[in-house]
N, C-alpha and C. Protein backbone atom coordinates (compact mmCIF):
# COMPACT_ATOMS: atom_id res chain seq x y z
N MET A 1 35.75 39.34 176.19
CA MET A 1 36.95 39.19 177.01
C MET A 1 36.83 38.00 177.95
N ALA A 2 35.65 37.85 178.52
CA ALA A 2 35.45 36.74 179.45
C ALA A 2 35.62 35.40 178.74
N GLN A 3 35.14 35.33 177.49
CA GLN A 3 35.26 34.09 176.73
C GLN A 3 36.73 33.79 176.43
N ILE A 4 37.51 34.83 176.08
CA ILE A 4 38.94 34.65 175.80
C ILE A 4 39.65 34.14 177.04
N ALA A 5 39.33 34.73 178.20
CA ALA A 5 39.95 34.30 179.44
C ALA A 5 39.59 32.86 179.76
N ALA A 6 38.33 32.48 179.51
CA ALA A 6 37.90 31.11 179.77
C ALA A 6 38.62 30.13 178.85
N ASP A 7 38.81 30.54 177.58
CA ASP A 7 39.52 29.68 176.63
C ASP A 7 40.96 29.47 177.05
N ARG A 8 41.59 30.54 177.53
CA ARG A 8 42.97 30.45 177.99
C ARG A 8 43.09 29.53 179.20
N GLU A 9 42.16 29.67 180.11
CA GLU A 9 42.18 28.81 181.30
C GLU A 9 41.98 27.35 180.91
N SER A 10 41.09 27.11 179.94
CA SER A 10 40.85 25.75 179.49
C SER A 10 42.09 25.17 178.84
N ALA A 11 42.78 25.98 178.02
CA ALA A 11 44.00 25.51 177.36
C ALA A 11 45.09 25.22 178.37
N ALA A 12 45.18 26.08 179.39
CA ALA A 12 46.21 25.87 180.42
C ALA A 12 45.93 24.62 181.23
N ALA A 13 44.64 24.31 181.43
CA ALA A 13 44.28 23.16 182.25
C ALA A 13 44.41 21.84 181.48
N ALA A 14 44.42 21.93 180.14
CA ALA A 14 44.50 20.72 179.33
C ALA A 14 45.85 20.04 179.53
N PRO A 15 45.86 18.74 179.82
CA PRO A 15 47.13 18.06 180.06
C PRO A 15 47.94 17.93 178.77
N ALA A 16 49.24 18.08 178.90
CA ALA A 16 50.13 17.92 177.75
C ALA A 16 50.18 16.45 177.35
N VAL A 17 50.24 16.19 176.07
CA VAL A 17 50.32 14.82 175.57
C VAL A 17 51.78 14.49 175.32
N ALA A 18 52.30 13.51 176.03
CA ALA A 18 53.69 13.09 175.84
C ALA A 18 53.84 12.42 174.49
N ASN A 19 55.05 12.44 173.98
CA ASN A 19 55.35 11.80 172.70
C ASN A 19 55.23 10.28 172.85
N PRO A 20 54.25 9.64 172.20
CA PRO A 20 54.06 8.20 172.37
C PRO A 20 54.97 7.35 171.49
N ALA A 21 55.71 8.00 170.57
CA ALA A 21 56.53 7.23 169.62
C ALA A 21 57.60 6.37 170.30
N PRO A 22 58.35 6.87 171.29
CA PRO A 22 59.35 6.01 171.93
C PRO A 22 58.74 4.76 172.57
N LEU A 23 57.55 4.89 173.15
CA LEU A 23 56.88 3.72 173.73
C LEU A 23 56.52 2.72 172.64
N GLY A 24 55.92 3.20 171.55
CA GLY A 24 55.55 2.31 170.47
C GLY A 24 56.76 1.64 169.85
N LEU A 25 57.82 2.40 169.64
CA LEU A 25 59.04 1.84 169.06
C LEU A 25 59.69 0.82 169.99
N SER A 26 59.66 1.09 171.29
CA SER A 26 60.25 0.16 172.25
C SER A 26 59.48 -1.16 172.30
N ALA A 27 58.15 -1.07 172.29
CA ALA A 27 57.32 -2.27 172.28
C ALA A 27 57.56 -3.08 171.02
N PHE A 28 57.64 -2.38 169.90
CA PHE A 28 57.91 -3.04 168.63
C PHE A 28 59.29 -3.69 168.65
N ALA A 29 60.29 -2.96 169.15
CA ALA A 29 61.67 -3.43 169.10
C ALA A 29 61.88 -4.69 169.93
N LEU A 30 61.39 -4.69 171.17
CA LEU A 30 61.64 -5.83 172.04
C LEU A 30 60.96 -7.09 171.52
N THR A 31 59.71 -6.96 171.08
CA THR A 31 58.98 -8.12 170.58
C THR A 31 59.63 -8.64 169.30
N THR A 32 60.03 -7.72 168.42
CA THR A 32 60.71 -8.11 167.19
C THR A 32 62.04 -8.79 167.49
N PHE A 33 62.76 -8.28 168.48
CA PHE A 33 64.06 -8.83 168.84
C PHE A 33 63.94 -10.29 169.28
N VAL A 34 62.99 -10.55 170.16
CA VAL A 34 62.85 -11.91 170.70
C VAL A 34 62.39 -12.89 169.63
N LEU A 35 61.37 -12.52 168.85
CA LEU A 35 60.90 -13.43 167.79
C LEU A 35 61.99 -13.62 166.73
N SER A 36 62.72 -12.56 166.41
CA SER A 36 63.78 -12.67 165.41
C SER A 36 64.93 -13.54 165.91
N ALA A 37 65.20 -13.47 167.21
CA ALA A 37 66.23 -14.35 167.78
C ALA A 37 65.84 -15.81 167.63
N GLN A 38 64.55 -16.09 167.79
CA GLN A 38 64.09 -17.46 167.58
C GLN A 38 64.18 -17.84 166.10
N ASN A 39 63.76 -16.92 165.22
CA ASN A 39 63.85 -17.19 163.79
C ASN A 39 65.29 -17.43 163.34
N ALA A 40 66.24 -16.77 164.02
CA ALA A 40 67.65 -16.94 163.70
C ALA A 40 68.24 -18.18 164.38
N ASN A 41 67.38 -18.96 165.04
CA ASN A 41 67.79 -20.22 165.70
C ASN A 41 68.72 -19.99 166.89
N PHE A 42 68.53 -18.88 167.61
CA PHE A 42 69.31 -18.64 168.82
C PHE A 42 68.82 -19.49 169.98
N PHE A 43 67.56 -19.90 169.95
CA PHE A 43 67.02 -20.81 170.95
C PHE A 43 65.93 -21.64 170.30
N GLY A 44 65.51 -22.70 170.97
CA GLY A 44 64.58 -23.66 170.39
C GLY A 44 63.14 -23.21 170.44
N LEU A 45 62.26 -24.13 170.08
CA LEU A 45 60.84 -23.83 170.02
C LEU A 45 60.24 -23.56 171.39
N SER A 46 60.94 -23.94 172.46
CA SER A 46 60.43 -23.68 173.80
C SER A 46 60.30 -22.17 174.05
N GLY A 47 61.04 -21.38 173.28
CA GLY A 47 60.98 -19.93 173.45
C GLY A 47 59.72 -19.31 172.91
N VAL A 48 58.91 -20.10 172.19
CA VAL A 48 57.67 -19.58 171.62
C VAL A 48 56.76 -19.03 172.72
N THR A 49 56.78 -19.65 173.90
CA THR A 49 55.94 -19.20 175.01
C THR A 49 56.27 -17.77 175.39
N ILE A 50 57.56 -17.43 175.43
CA ILE A 50 57.99 -16.08 175.76
C ILE A 50 57.54 -15.11 174.68
N VAL A 51 57.69 -15.49 173.43
CA VAL A 51 57.29 -14.64 172.31
C VAL A 51 55.79 -14.37 172.35
N THR A 52 55.01 -15.39 172.69
CA THR A 52 53.56 -15.24 172.72
C THR A 52 53.13 -14.17 173.71
N GLY A 53 53.69 -14.20 174.91
CA GLY A 53 53.36 -13.20 175.92
C GLY A 53 53.72 -11.79 175.47
N LEU A 54 54.90 -11.65 174.88
CA LEU A 54 55.32 -10.34 174.39
C LEU A 54 54.41 -9.86 173.26
N ALA A 55 54.07 -10.79 172.34
CA ALA A 55 53.25 -10.42 171.20
C ALA A 55 51.88 -9.92 171.64
N LEU A 56 51.29 -10.57 172.62
CA LEU A 56 49.95 -10.20 173.05
C LEU A 56 49.94 -8.91 173.87
N PHE A 57 50.92 -8.74 174.74
CA PHE A 57 50.85 -7.63 175.68
C PHE A 57 51.75 -6.44 175.33
N TYR A 58 53.02 -6.67 175.13
CA TYR A 58 53.92 -5.53 174.88
C TYR A 58 53.86 -5.10 173.41
N GLY A 59 54.14 -6.02 172.50
CA GLY A 59 54.08 -5.69 171.09
C GLY A 59 52.68 -5.40 170.62
N GLY A 60 51.69 -6.07 171.21
CA GLY A 60 50.31 -5.88 170.79
C GLY A 60 49.59 -4.78 171.52
N LEU A 61 49.24 -5.02 172.78
CA LEU A 61 48.42 -4.08 173.54
C LEU A 61 49.11 -2.73 173.75
N VAL A 62 50.36 -2.76 174.20
CA VAL A 62 51.05 -1.50 174.50
C VAL A 62 51.26 -0.69 173.22
N GLN A 63 51.61 -1.36 172.13
CA GLN A 63 51.82 -0.63 170.88
C GLN A 63 50.50 -0.04 170.35
N LEU A 64 49.42 -0.77 170.57
CA LEU A 64 48.10 -0.26 170.18
C LEU A 64 47.76 1.01 170.97
N ILE A 65 48.07 1.00 172.27
CA ILE A 65 47.83 2.19 173.10
C ILE A 65 48.67 3.36 172.58
N ALA A 66 49.93 3.09 172.21
CA ALA A 66 50.79 4.15 171.67
C ALA A 66 50.18 4.71 170.39
N GLY A 67 49.63 3.84 169.56
CA GLY A 67 49.00 4.29 168.32
C GLY A 67 47.79 5.17 168.58
N LEU A 68 47.00 4.82 169.57
CA LEU A 68 45.84 5.64 169.92
C LEU A 68 46.26 7.02 170.43
N GLN A 69 47.37 7.06 171.16
CA GLN A 69 47.89 8.34 171.63
C GLN A 69 48.42 9.18 170.48
N GLU A 70 48.92 8.52 169.43
CA GLU A 70 49.36 9.26 168.24
C GLU A 70 48.17 9.93 167.56
N PHE A 71 46.99 9.30 167.62
CA PHE A 71 45.78 9.95 167.11
C PHE A 71 45.53 11.25 167.86
N ARG A 72 45.67 11.21 169.18
CA ARG A 72 45.47 12.42 169.99
C ARG A 72 46.48 13.49 169.64
N ALA A 73 47.71 13.07 169.32
CA ALA A 73 48.77 14.02 169.00
C ALA A 73 48.65 14.54 167.57
N GLY A 74 47.73 13.98 166.77
CA GLY A 74 47.54 14.44 165.41
C GLY A 74 48.55 13.88 164.43
N ASN A 75 49.21 12.78 164.80
CA ASN A 75 50.22 12.17 163.93
C ASN A 75 49.61 10.99 163.18
N THR A 76 49.21 11.21 161.95
CA THR A 76 48.54 10.17 161.17
C THR A 76 49.47 8.99 160.89
N PHE A 77 50.72 9.28 160.54
CA PHE A 77 51.66 8.21 160.24
C PHE A 77 51.89 7.33 161.48
N GLY A 78 52.17 7.97 162.62
CA GLY A 78 52.42 7.22 163.84
C GLY A 78 51.22 6.41 164.27
N ALA A 79 50.03 7.00 164.16
CA ALA A 79 48.81 6.28 164.54
C ALA A 79 48.60 5.07 163.65
N THR A 80 48.79 5.25 162.33
CA THR A 80 48.60 4.14 161.39
C THR A 80 49.62 3.04 161.64
N ALA A 81 50.87 3.43 161.84
CA ALA A 81 51.93 2.44 162.03
C ALA A 81 51.76 1.67 163.33
N PHE A 82 51.63 2.37 164.45
CA PHE A 82 51.59 1.69 165.74
C PHE A 82 50.32 0.87 165.92
N CYS A 83 49.18 1.40 165.50
CA CYS A 83 47.95 0.60 165.61
C CYS A 83 48.02 -0.63 164.72
N SER A 84 48.57 -0.47 163.53
CA SER A 84 48.67 -1.61 162.60
C SER A 84 49.61 -2.68 163.14
N TYR A 85 50.79 -2.28 163.57
CA TYR A 85 51.74 -3.29 164.07
C TYR A 85 51.32 -3.84 165.43
N GLY A 86 50.56 -3.05 166.18
CA GLY A 86 49.96 -3.61 167.39
C GLY A 86 49.01 -4.73 167.03
N GLY A 87 48.19 -4.49 165.99
CA GLY A 87 47.29 -5.54 165.50
C GLY A 87 48.06 -6.73 164.95
N PHE A 88 49.18 -6.47 164.29
CA PHE A 88 50.01 -7.57 163.78
C PHE A 88 50.48 -8.47 164.91
N TRP A 89 50.99 -7.86 165.97
CA TRP A 89 51.52 -8.67 167.07
C TRP A 89 50.41 -9.40 167.82
N LEU A 90 49.25 -8.79 167.94
CA LEU A 90 48.13 -9.50 168.55
C LEU A 90 47.75 -10.71 167.71
N ALA A 91 47.77 -10.56 166.38
CA ALA A 91 47.47 -11.68 165.49
C ALA A 91 48.52 -12.78 165.63
N VAL A 92 49.78 -12.40 165.70
CA VAL A 92 50.85 -13.39 165.87
C VAL A 92 50.70 -14.11 167.20
N GLY A 93 50.34 -13.34 168.25
CA GLY A 93 50.12 -13.97 169.55
C GLY A 93 49.03 -15.02 169.50
N VAL A 94 47.95 -14.72 168.78
CA VAL A 94 46.86 -15.69 168.62
C VAL A 94 47.35 -16.92 167.85
N ILE A 95 48.10 -16.68 166.78
CA ILE A 95 48.62 -17.80 165.96
C ILE A 95 49.49 -18.73 166.80
N LEU A 96 50.27 -18.16 167.71
CA LEU A 96 51.20 -18.96 168.51
C LEU A 96 50.58 -19.54 169.77
N THR A 97 49.34 -19.17 170.07
CA THR A 97 48.66 -19.69 171.27
C THR A 97 48.03 -21.03 170.96
N PRO A 98 48.45 -22.11 171.62
CA PRO A 98 47.98 -23.46 171.28
C PRO A 98 46.47 -23.63 171.33
N VAL A 99 45.78 -22.90 172.21
CA VAL A 99 44.35 -23.10 172.38
C VAL A 99 43.58 -22.79 171.09
N PHE A 100 44.15 -21.98 170.20
CA PHE A 100 43.47 -21.64 168.95
C PHE A 100 43.67 -22.71 167.88
N GLY A 101 44.55 -23.66 168.14
CA GLY A 101 44.71 -24.80 167.25
C GLY A 101 45.26 -24.50 165.88
N ILE A 102 46.04 -23.43 165.74
CA ILE A 102 46.64 -23.09 164.45
C ILE A 102 48.00 -23.78 164.35
N LYS A 103 48.14 -24.70 163.43
CA LYS A 103 49.35 -25.50 163.31
C LYS A 103 50.13 -25.09 162.06
N LEU A 104 51.23 -24.40 162.28
CA LEU A 104 52.05 -23.95 161.17
C LEU A 104 52.78 -25.10 160.50
N SER A 105 52.78 -26.25 161.16
CA SER A 105 53.41 -27.43 160.55
C SER A 105 52.57 -27.98 159.40
N ASP A 106 51.29 -27.62 159.35
CA ASP A 106 50.42 -28.02 158.25
C ASP A 106 50.77 -27.21 157.01
N ALA A 107 50.91 -27.89 155.86
CA ALA A 107 51.39 -27.23 154.63
C ALA A 107 50.48 -26.08 154.20
N ALA A 108 49.17 -26.31 154.22
CA ALA A 108 48.24 -25.26 153.79
C ALA A 108 48.29 -24.07 154.74
N THR A 109 48.40 -24.34 156.04
CA THR A 109 48.47 -23.26 157.02
C THR A 109 49.77 -22.48 156.87
N ALA A 110 50.87 -23.19 156.60
CA ALA A 110 52.16 -22.54 156.39
C ALA A 110 52.10 -21.60 155.19
N THR A 111 51.46 -22.05 154.12
CA THR A 111 51.31 -21.19 152.93
C THR A 111 50.45 -19.97 153.25
N GLY A 112 49.38 -20.18 154.00
CA GLY A 112 48.54 -19.06 154.42
C GLY A 112 49.31 -18.06 155.25
N PHE A 113 50.19 -18.58 156.13
CA PHE A 113 51.02 -17.70 156.95
C PHE A 113 51.98 -16.92 156.07
N GLY A 114 52.46 -17.57 155.00
CA GLY A 114 53.33 -16.88 154.06
C GLY A 114 52.63 -15.70 153.40
N PHE A 115 51.36 -15.89 153.00
CA PHE A 115 50.60 -14.78 152.42
C PHE A 115 50.30 -13.71 153.45
N PHE A 116 50.09 -14.12 154.69
CA PHE A 116 49.93 -13.18 155.80
C PHE A 116 51.16 -12.27 155.90
N LEU A 117 52.34 -12.88 155.83
CA LEU A 117 53.59 -12.12 155.90
C LEU A 117 53.81 -11.29 154.64
N LEU A 118 53.38 -11.80 153.49
CA LEU A 118 53.51 -11.04 152.26
C LEU A 118 52.66 -9.78 152.31
N GLY A 119 51.46 -9.91 152.86
CA GLY A 119 50.60 -8.73 153.03
C GLY A 119 51.26 -7.68 153.90
N TRP A 120 51.92 -8.12 154.96
CA TRP A 120 52.61 -7.17 155.83
C TRP A 120 53.85 -6.60 155.17
N THR A 121 54.45 -7.36 154.26
CA THR A 121 55.57 -6.83 153.48
C THR A 121 55.10 -5.65 152.63
N ILE A 122 53.97 -5.83 151.95
CA ILE A 122 53.43 -4.77 151.11
C ILE A 122 53.06 -3.54 151.94
N PHE A 123 52.38 -3.77 153.08
CA PHE A 123 51.99 -2.65 153.94
C PHE A 123 53.23 -1.90 154.45
N THR A 124 54.25 -2.64 154.85
CA THR A 124 55.46 -2.01 155.39
C THR A 124 56.19 -1.23 154.32
N ALA A 125 56.20 -1.75 153.09
CA ALA A 125 56.82 -1.01 151.98
C ALA A 125 56.09 0.31 151.75
N LEU A 126 54.77 0.30 151.87
CA LEU A 126 53.99 1.53 151.72
C LEU A 126 54.32 2.51 152.85
N MET A 127 54.44 1.98 154.08
CA MET A 127 54.80 2.85 155.21
C MET A 127 56.22 3.38 155.05
N PHE A 128 57.10 2.58 154.45
CA PHE A 128 58.47 3.03 154.19
C PHE A 128 58.45 4.29 153.32
N LEU A 129 57.59 4.31 152.32
CA LEU A 129 57.47 5.49 151.47
C LEU A 129 57.07 6.72 152.28
N GLY A 130 56.28 6.48 153.34
CA GLY A 130 55.85 7.58 154.19
C GLY A 130 56.95 8.14 155.07
N THR A 131 58.08 7.43 155.18
CA THR A 131 59.18 7.90 156.04
C THR A 131 60.20 8.72 155.28
N LEU A 132 60.09 8.79 153.96
CA LEU A 132 61.16 9.36 153.15
C LEU A 132 61.38 10.85 153.39
N ARG A 133 60.42 11.52 154.03
CA ARG A 133 60.61 12.93 154.37
C ARG A 133 60.69 13.12 155.88
N ALA A 134 60.93 12.02 156.61
CA ALA A 134 61.01 12.10 158.07
C ALA A 134 62.47 12.24 158.50
N ASN A 135 63.12 11.14 158.83
CA ASN A 135 64.53 11.16 159.20
C ASN A 135 65.17 9.82 158.85
N ILE A 136 66.47 9.80 158.82
CA ILE A 136 67.20 8.62 158.37
C ILE A 136 66.96 7.43 159.30
N ALA A 137 66.85 7.68 160.60
CA ALA A 137 66.63 6.59 161.56
C ALA A 137 65.31 5.87 161.26
N LEU A 138 64.26 6.65 161.03
CA LEU A 138 62.95 6.05 160.76
C LEU A 138 62.94 5.36 159.39
N ILE A 139 63.63 5.94 158.43
CA ILE A 139 63.76 5.31 157.12
C ILE A 139 64.43 3.94 157.27
N ALA A 140 65.49 3.90 158.10
CA ALA A 140 66.20 2.65 158.31
C ALA A 140 65.32 1.59 158.97
N VAL A 141 64.51 2.00 159.95
CA VAL A 141 63.62 1.06 160.64
C VAL A 141 62.66 0.42 159.65
N PHE A 142 61.99 1.22 158.85
CA PHE A 142 60.98 0.67 157.94
C PHE A 142 61.59 0.01 156.72
N GLY A 143 62.76 0.47 156.29
CA GLY A 143 63.44 -0.20 155.20
C GLY A 143 63.89 -1.60 155.60
N LEU A 144 64.51 -1.71 156.76
CA LEU A 144 64.94 -3.01 157.27
C LEU A 144 63.76 -3.92 157.58
N LEU A 145 62.67 -3.34 158.10
CA LEU A 145 61.50 -4.15 158.41
C LEU A 145 60.87 -4.71 157.14
N THR A 146 60.88 -3.92 156.07
CA THR A 146 60.37 -4.41 154.79
C THR A 146 61.17 -5.63 154.32
N LEU A 147 62.50 -5.54 154.43
CA LEU A 147 63.36 -6.66 154.03
C LEU A 147 63.14 -7.87 154.94
N THR A 148 62.90 -7.61 156.23
CA THR A 148 62.64 -8.69 157.18
C THR A 148 61.38 -9.46 156.79
N PHE A 149 60.29 -8.72 156.59
CA PHE A 149 59.04 -9.36 156.19
C PHE A 149 59.18 -10.10 154.86
N LEU A 150 59.91 -9.51 153.93
CA LEU A 150 60.09 -10.13 152.62
C LEU A 150 60.81 -11.47 152.74
N ALA A 151 61.88 -11.50 153.52
CA ALA A 151 62.63 -12.75 153.71
C ALA A 151 61.76 -13.81 154.37
N LEU A 152 60.99 -13.42 155.39
CA LEU A 152 60.12 -14.38 156.07
C LEU A 152 59.01 -14.87 155.13
N ALA A 153 58.45 -13.96 154.33
CA ALA A 153 57.40 -14.36 153.39
C ALA A 153 57.93 -15.35 152.36
N ILE A 154 59.12 -15.09 151.84
CA ILE A 154 59.72 -16.01 150.87
C ILE A 154 59.91 -17.38 151.49
N GLY A 155 60.40 -17.40 152.73
CA GLY A 155 60.62 -18.68 153.41
C GLY A 155 59.35 -19.47 153.59
N TRP A 156 58.29 -18.82 154.09
CA TRP A 156 57.05 -19.53 154.37
C TRP A 156 56.24 -19.85 153.11
N LEU A 157 56.54 -19.17 152.00
CA LEU A 157 55.83 -19.45 150.75
C LEU A 157 56.55 -20.49 149.90
N GLY A 158 57.53 -21.14 150.47
CA GLY A 158 58.17 -22.25 149.77
C GLY A 158 59.58 -21.99 149.32
N GLY A 159 60.12 -20.82 149.64
CA GLY A 159 61.49 -20.52 149.24
C GLY A 159 62.54 -21.20 150.08
N GLY A 160 62.10 -21.86 151.15
CA GLY A 160 63.04 -22.54 152.04
C GLY A 160 63.02 -21.96 153.43
N VAL A 161 62.22 -22.56 154.32
CA VAL A 161 62.10 -22.07 155.69
C VAL A 161 63.44 -22.08 156.40
N SER A 162 64.21 -23.14 156.19
CA SER A 162 65.48 -23.29 156.90
C SER A 162 66.53 -22.27 156.45
N THR A 163 66.33 -21.66 155.28
CA THR A 163 67.29 -20.67 154.78
C THR A 163 66.79 -19.24 154.97
N TRP A 164 65.58 -18.97 154.48
CA TRP A 164 65.08 -17.60 154.45
C TRP A 164 64.58 -17.11 155.80
N VAL A 165 64.01 -17.99 156.62
CA VAL A 165 63.53 -17.56 157.93
C VAL A 165 64.68 -17.11 158.83
N PRO A 166 65.82 -17.85 158.89
CA PRO A 166 66.95 -17.32 159.65
C PRO A 166 67.48 -15.99 159.12
N ILE A 167 67.48 -15.84 157.78
CA ILE A 167 67.88 -14.55 157.21
C ILE A 167 66.95 -13.45 157.72
N GLY A 168 65.64 -13.73 157.69
CA GLY A 168 64.68 -12.79 158.23
C GLY A 168 64.91 -12.53 159.71
N GLY A 169 65.35 -13.56 160.43
CA GLY A 169 65.64 -13.41 161.84
C GLY A 169 66.77 -12.42 162.10
N TYR A 170 67.86 -12.56 161.34
CA TYR A 170 68.99 -11.64 161.50
C TYR A 170 68.62 -10.22 161.09
N LEU A 171 67.85 -10.10 160.00
CA LEU A 171 67.39 -8.78 159.60
C LEU A 171 66.47 -8.17 160.66
N GLY A 172 65.64 -9.01 161.28
CA GLY A 172 64.75 -8.53 162.33
C GLY A 172 65.50 -8.05 163.55
N ILE A 173 66.59 -8.72 163.89
CA ILE A 173 67.41 -8.28 165.03
C ILE A 173 68.01 -6.90 164.75
N ILE A 174 68.52 -6.72 163.54
CA ILE A 174 69.07 -5.41 163.17
C ILE A 174 67.97 -4.35 163.21
N THR A 175 66.79 -4.70 162.70
CA THR A 175 65.65 -3.77 162.73
C THR A 175 65.32 -3.37 164.16
N ALA A 176 65.30 -4.34 165.07
CA ALA A 176 64.98 -4.05 166.47
C ALA A 176 66.02 -3.11 167.08
N LEU A 177 67.29 -3.33 166.78
CA LEU A 177 68.34 -2.47 167.34
C LEU A 177 68.19 -1.03 166.85
N VAL A 178 67.88 -0.86 165.56
CA VAL A 178 67.68 0.48 165.02
C VAL A 178 66.43 1.12 165.62
N ALA A 179 65.38 0.32 165.84
CA ALA A 179 64.16 0.84 166.46
C ALA A 179 64.43 1.29 167.89
N TRP A 180 65.22 0.51 168.63
CA TRP A 180 65.60 0.92 169.99
C TRP A 180 66.39 2.23 169.97
N TYR A 181 67.30 2.34 169.03
CA TYR A 181 68.08 3.58 168.90
C TYR A 181 67.15 4.77 168.66
N THR A 182 66.20 4.59 167.75
CA THR A 182 65.26 5.67 167.43
C THR A 182 64.39 6.01 168.64
N ALA A 183 63.98 4.98 169.39
CA ALA A 183 63.19 5.21 170.60
C ALA A 183 63.99 6.00 171.63
N LEU A 184 65.25 5.62 171.82
CA LEU A 184 66.09 6.32 172.79
C LEU A 184 66.31 7.77 172.36
N ALA A 185 66.49 7.98 171.07
CA ALA A 185 66.64 9.35 170.58
C ALA A 185 65.42 10.19 170.91
N GLY A 186 64.23 9.59 170.80
CA GLY A 186 63.01 10.29 171.13
C GLY A 186 62.89 10.59 172.62
N VAL A 187 63.28 9.63 173.44
CA VAL A 187 63.24 9.83 174.90
C VAL A 187 64.19 10.96 175.31
N LEU A 188 65.40 10.93 174.78
CA LEU A 188 66.38 11.95 175.14
C LEU A 188 65.96 13.33 174.66
N ALA A 189 65.34 13.38 173.47
CA ALA A 189 64.88 14.67 172.95
C ALA A 189 63.74 15.24 173.78
N SER A 190 62.97 14.36 174.43
CA SER A 190 61.83 14.80 175.23
C SER A 190 62.20 15.08 176.68
N SER A 191 63.42 14.74 177.05
CA SER A 191 63.85 14.93 178.44
C SER A 191 64.79 16.14 178.53
N ARG A 192 65.27 16.39 179.72
CA ARG A 192 66.19 17.50 179.92
C ARG A 192 67.64 17.08 179.79
N SER A 193 67.86 15.89 179.29
CA SER A 193 69.22 15.39 179.13
C SER A 193 69.99 16.24 178.12
N VAL A 194 71.26 16.52 178.45
CA VAL A 194 72.10 17.29 177.53
C VAL A 194 72.63 16.39 176.42
N PHE A 195 72.46 15.07 176.60
CA PHE A 195 72.94 14.11 175.61
C PHE A 195 71.85 13.88 174.56
N ARG A 196 72.21 13.91 173.32
CA ARG A 196 71.26 13.69 172.23
C ARG A 196 71.81 12.65 171.27
N LEU A 197 70.92 11.93 170.61
CA LEU A 197 71.31 10.99 169.56
C LEU A 197 70.85 11.54 168.22
N PRO A 198 71.71 11.58 167.24
CA PRO A 198 71.31 12.09 165.93
C PRO A 198 70.40 11.09 165.21
N VAL A 199 69.35 11.60 164.56
CA VAL A 199 68.45 10.74 163.78
C VAL A 199 68.50 11.09 162.30
N GLY A 200 69.28 12.10 161.94
CA GLY A 200 69.44 12.45 160.54
C GLY A 200 68.20 13.07 159.93
N PRO A 201 67.75 14.21 160.47
CA PRO A 201 66.55 14.84 159.89
C PRO A 201 66.76 15.22 158.45
N ILE A 202 65.73 15.08 157.65
CA ILE A 202 65.79 15.38 156.22
C ILE A 202 65.16 16.75 155.97
N GLY A 203 65.81 17.54 155.16
CA GLY A 203 65.28 18.87 154.84
C GLY A 203 65.44 19.86 155.95
């Protein structure tokens, strides 16, 4: 009996783990939105500085933290997705940081970046398959993200940067908006708000 009571006290004292998905989705959405706006030619190359900071800290570090919290929550999909895309944004931040001397204007480097994006296209397509029993909102996020990566990969692999990268930019903006919607739905579901956003649960 004493052991049961001690176990109950330990369980009661254990802090509740908040849902980290809205944080991860928000970090992903904002960073994707800004970089996609640049890809869509909404502003010039001077905006790269802003994207770099977001990629390293919000899209990268914060999303990585969200992924680690998903491990604690026992969510394999969330942990894999957020940690992976956190790593993606950290890598992009390094690529865009001048001190590392990576010049995308170089033809060989541009092709390498295209294969980098192609690899993420494949990974995202695999993650998309993992959403098919989740909800429509999450399916839309990963489906649109797959198309975004595909358009960017085609552009950087020689399909026409001036054509395919802007297409990827517009797709990325739509992806970010859907990700923000999904994040807000998660926040509202976790709060005492009487207002809810539908995410289209499957099954």
